[in-house]
Amino acid sequence: MPFPDIAGHRRTIAVLNRILGSGRVAHAYLFSGPQGVGKKLIAFDFIKAIFCADGSACGACLSCKKLDSGNHPDLHIVEPDGQFIKVDQIRALQKELGYRPYEAPRKACIIDGAERFNPSSGNSLLKTLEEPPGKAIIILLTSSPESVLPTIRSRCQQLFFSGVSEDEIEKLLASRGVEPDTARISASLADGSVGKAVALCSEESVQDRVEIIEKACALSLKEMASLFAFGELFDKDREKAVHSLDLLLSFWRDMLHIRSGSVDPVNRDLYQTLLKESGCRSDGSILDGIETILRTRQAIQRNANVRLAMDVLSM
């Protein structure tokens, strides 16, 4: 049975199972949903079931074993080369898809980052999406469907993957041996992303979260060194800056909840810090902080200078 170890997405998985059962597999799909929710894993299992000797993604046949080892000649993975997926990558893919399958009933391709086609590579892919050679199947993945070229979206069957529930993520982490408190906090901070939750469980991530929050709380215009030290944590690292802003946002929201009488914040392990910080801030100043964090996050996502944006946040 395909999709055995995937948390959540019951409805989407049911749709894919119906497609497999009917044998009416489309030539192109667009899987969209938040980063880290399992789109790539489900795409892989879907192809695994199509390639499998008995159609069940058994894990035991030669095809399944080759896919699990990343060594199947009929599956091709395309990812951005730098900032974009480039036209040479698509031309190479088209050449591969033009060959007859070596072992599987058809060729298959997973394109991760469908929002990162430039006009030339996107236009190069269109004809292949319209008429894939040899009944090839192409699965595109994106966390930003609105940024995918409309001409590409219109040529794909679309499936949306919502975030996984906190309870399901917590159970998954617990099943992997994660300590209950860490599992609970990571699930709360993950925004429905299993991948993000797993990353948050590492000892390094826990320490980074505490350090970022403590430094943000300690910022003072009277101590310029602390401002510069905070900005240096994110110098040119856009992904880390956005992730850190998400952590700060969860803490600032926790402070607002604490002031409203809540005793069950997301950052449970920092409860005493929450009490202290919320006690010396007004509701208005906390709301201003939340607005500033959201505005800074938006600016960085729109390609603002990371260091400058974080320095402005610090002040």
Foldseek 3Di string as FASTA:
>chain_A
DFPPQAFDPPVVVVVLVVCLVVVPDAQEEEEEAAPQLCPVVNVLRSVCLQQDPVSPCPCPDPSNVCSVVVHALQEEEAEADPQARDLVNLVVVLVSQQDAHPRGQHHEYEYEAQLRHDVNNLVSCLVCLQPPPNSYHYYYYYHCVVSHPPSRVVSHHYDYDYAGALVRLLVSVVVVVQDNVLSNLLSLLVNRRSRSSVVCRDPVNVVVLVVLQVLLLPQDPVDVVSLLVNLVVCQVPLVVLLSNLSSNLQLLVQLLVVVVPDPDGSPNVCNVVSVVSSVVDDNVVSVVLNVLSVVLSVCSVVPDRSSVSSSVSSD
